Amino acid sequence: MSLIDAAAQVRENAHAPYSRFKVGAAIRAASGVVYVGCNVENASYPEGTCAEAGAIAAMVAAGETDIAEVAVIANGPDPVAPCGGCRQRLMEFSTPEVQVTMATVAGAVKVVRLGDLLPGAFTSSQLDGH
């Protein structure tokens, strides 16, 4: 199963009763294992979680911390990009060279490097000596 297929499959489980905008994400860890997540909304609207955050949490809970590749899919007119917060979350466990595949359920695909999505990222190296 491709990374986009894994993201599309988990997208169906999204809990999006308020926005009706279901998102699925899949992360391939450096080990090759794929972790998935979907957005989970909450009646306290800004307190929901993003699909990427769910996939990262699953990866970390399994004891892994290195992302090799990311895929995100939603039903929109254009491929959906991770939000700003998720770009930072992804960078925490990646490098700027990590490939991010963004897709629509209709089949449109855009592939970019994480560093292009988050130029000038804040990283742990900036905390050295603190």
Protein backbone atom coordinates (compact mmCIF):
# COMPACT_ATOMS: atom_id res chain seq x y z
CA MET A 1 0.00 0.00 0.00
CA SER A 2 1.37 3.42 -0.93
CA LEU A 3 1.71 6.19 1.63
CA ILE A 4 -1.10 8.16 -0.07
CA ASP A 5 -3.33 5.05 0.00
CA ALA A 6 -2.68 4.66 3.74
CA ALA A 7 -3.55 8.33 4.30
CA ALA A 8 -6.71 8.00 2.18
CA GLN A 9 -7.81 4.93 4.10
CA VAL A 10 -7.39 6.52 7.55
CA ARG A 11 -9.04 9.75 6.30
CA GLU A 12 -12.33 7.86 6.31
CA ASN A 13 -12.05 7.59 10.11
CA ALA A 14 -11.68 11.35 10.64
CA HIS A 15 -14.06 12.95 13.12
CA ALA A 16 -14.98 16.22 11.38
CA PRO A 17 -18.62 16.98 12.24
CA TYR A 18 -18.04 20.76 12.36
CA SER A 19 -15.87 21.53 9.35
CA ARG A 20 -16.80 18.41 7.36
CA PHE A 21 -13.18 18.57 6.12
CA LYS A 22 -11.67 15.14 6.67
CA VAL A 23 -7.89 14.85 6.49
CA GLY A 24 -5.70 11.76 6.55
CA ALA A 25 -1.95 11.61 7.05
CA ALA A 26 0.60 8.84 6.81
CA ILE A 27 4.21 8.94 7.93
CA ARG A 28 6.87 6.45 6.93
CA ALA A 29 9.40 6.25 9.73
CA ALA A 30 13.07 5.63 9.03
CA SER A 31 12.44 1.98 9.94
CA GLY A 32 9.97 1.69 7.06
CA VAL A 33 6.93 1.32 9.33
CA VAL A 34 3.95 3.48 8.35
CA TYR A 35 2.00 5.39 11.00
CA VAL A 36 -1.33 7.04 10.23
CA GLY A 37 -3.53 9.73 11.73
CA CYS A 38 -6.73 11.61 10.96
CA ASN A 39 -8.11 14.90 12.14
CA VAL A 40 -10.30 14.76 15.24
CA GLU A 41 -12.49 17.81 15.84
CA ASN A 42 -14.01 18.82 19.13
CA ALA A 43 -17.03 20.95 20.07
CA SER A 44 -14.48 23.37 21.54
CA TYR A 45 -13.48 23.96 17.93
CA PRO A 46 -9.84 25.03 18.17
CA GLU A 47 -9.05 22.11 20.47
CA GLY A 48 -9.15 19.44 17.78
CA THR A 49 -6.08 17.62 16.51
CA CYS A 50 -4.63 17.49 13.03
CA ALA A 51 -4.08 14.30 11.08
CA GLU A 52 -0.33 14.87 10.99
CA ALA A 53 -0.21 15.32 14.77
CA GLY A 54 -2.04 12.02 15.21
CA ALA A 55 0.39 10.18 12.94
CA ILE A 56 3.36 11.71 14.74
CA ALA A 57 1.90 10.73 18.12
CA ALA A 58 1.42 7.14 16.93
CA MET A 59 5.01 7.02 15.69
CA VAL A 60 6.44 8.40 18.93
CA ALA A 61 4.22 6.11 21.03
CA ALA A 62 5.73 3.17 19.10
CA GLY A 63 9.20 4.35 20.08
CA GLU A 64 10.28 5.91 16.78
CA THR A 65 11.46 9.46 16.23
CA ASP A 66 12.71 9.72 12.64
CA ILE A 67 10.36 10.58 9.76
CA ALA A 68 11.48 9.53 6.29
CA GLU A 69 8.41 10.56 4.26
CA VAL A 70 4.99 12.18 4.73
CA ALA A 71 1.68 12.06 2.85
CA VAL A 72 -1.45 14.16 3.47
CA ILE A 73 -4.81 13.89 1.68
CA ALA A 74 -8.10 15.77 1.86
CA ASN A 75 -11.12 16.53 -0.28
CA GLY A 76 -10.37 20.01 -1.54
CA PRO A 77 -9.86 21.69 -4.89
CA ASP A 78 -6.06 21.61 -4.48
CA PRO A 79 -3.63 19.35 -2.61
CA VAL A 80 -3.79 20.25 1.07
CA ALA A 81 -0.63 21.35 2.85
CA PRO A 82 0.04 20.72 6.54
CA CYS A 83 -0.88 23.70 8.71
CA GLY A 84 1.91 25.83 10.19
CA GLY A 85 1.86 24.02 13.51
CA CYS A 86 2.10 20.63 11.84
CA ARG A 87 4.95 21.80 9.64
CA GLN A 88 6.86 22.58 12.83
CA ARG A 89 5.81 19.24 14.37
CA LEU A 90 7.02 17.38 11.27
CA MET A 91 10.33 19.25 11.32
CA GLU A 92 10.90 18.15 14.92
CA PHE A 93 11.28 14.56 13.67
CA SER A 94 12.58 15.20 10.13
CA THR A 95 15.06 17.09 8.04
CA PRO A 96 14.34 19.79 5.47
CA GLU A 97 14.92 17.19 2.70
CA VAL A 98 12.00 14.96 3.75
CA GLN A 99 9.46 14.57 0.96
CA VAL A 100 5.87 15.68 1.66
CA THR A 101 3.25 14.39 -0.78
CA MET A 102 0.03 16.40 -0.67
CA ALA A 103 -3.04 15.07 -2.48
CA THR A 104 -6.75 15.44 -3.10
CA VAL A 105 -9.21 12.56 -3.11
CA ALA A 106 -9.79 13.39 -6.80
CA GLY A 107 -6.17 12.47 -7.57
CA ALA A 108 -4.30 15.78 -7.76
CA VAL A 109 -0.84 15.46 -6.23
CA LYS A 110 1.89 17.91 -5.29
CA VAL A 111 5.26 16.84 -3.88
CA VAL A 112 7.54 19.25 -1.99
CA ARG A 113 10.40 19.12 0.48
CA LEU A 114 9.53 19.89 4.09
CA GLY A 115 12.16 22.66 4.07
CA ASP A 116 10.25 24.37 1.26
CA LEU A 117 7.07 24.27 3.35
CA LEU A 118 8.85 25.63 6.42
CA PRO A 119 11.82 27.80 5.48
CA GLY A 120 13.76 29.15 8.43
CA ALA A 121 12.37 26.49 10.76
CA PHE A 122 13.01 26.77 14.48
CA THR A 123 14.99 23.69 15.50
CA SER A 124 16.51 22.21 18.62
CA SER A 125 19.95 23.38 17.47
CA GLN A 126 18.82 26.90 18.31
CA LEU A 127 18.38 25.83 21.92
CA ASP A 128 22.01 24.74 22.33
CA GLY A 129 23.64 26.50 25.24
CA HIS A 130 20.31 27.57 26.72
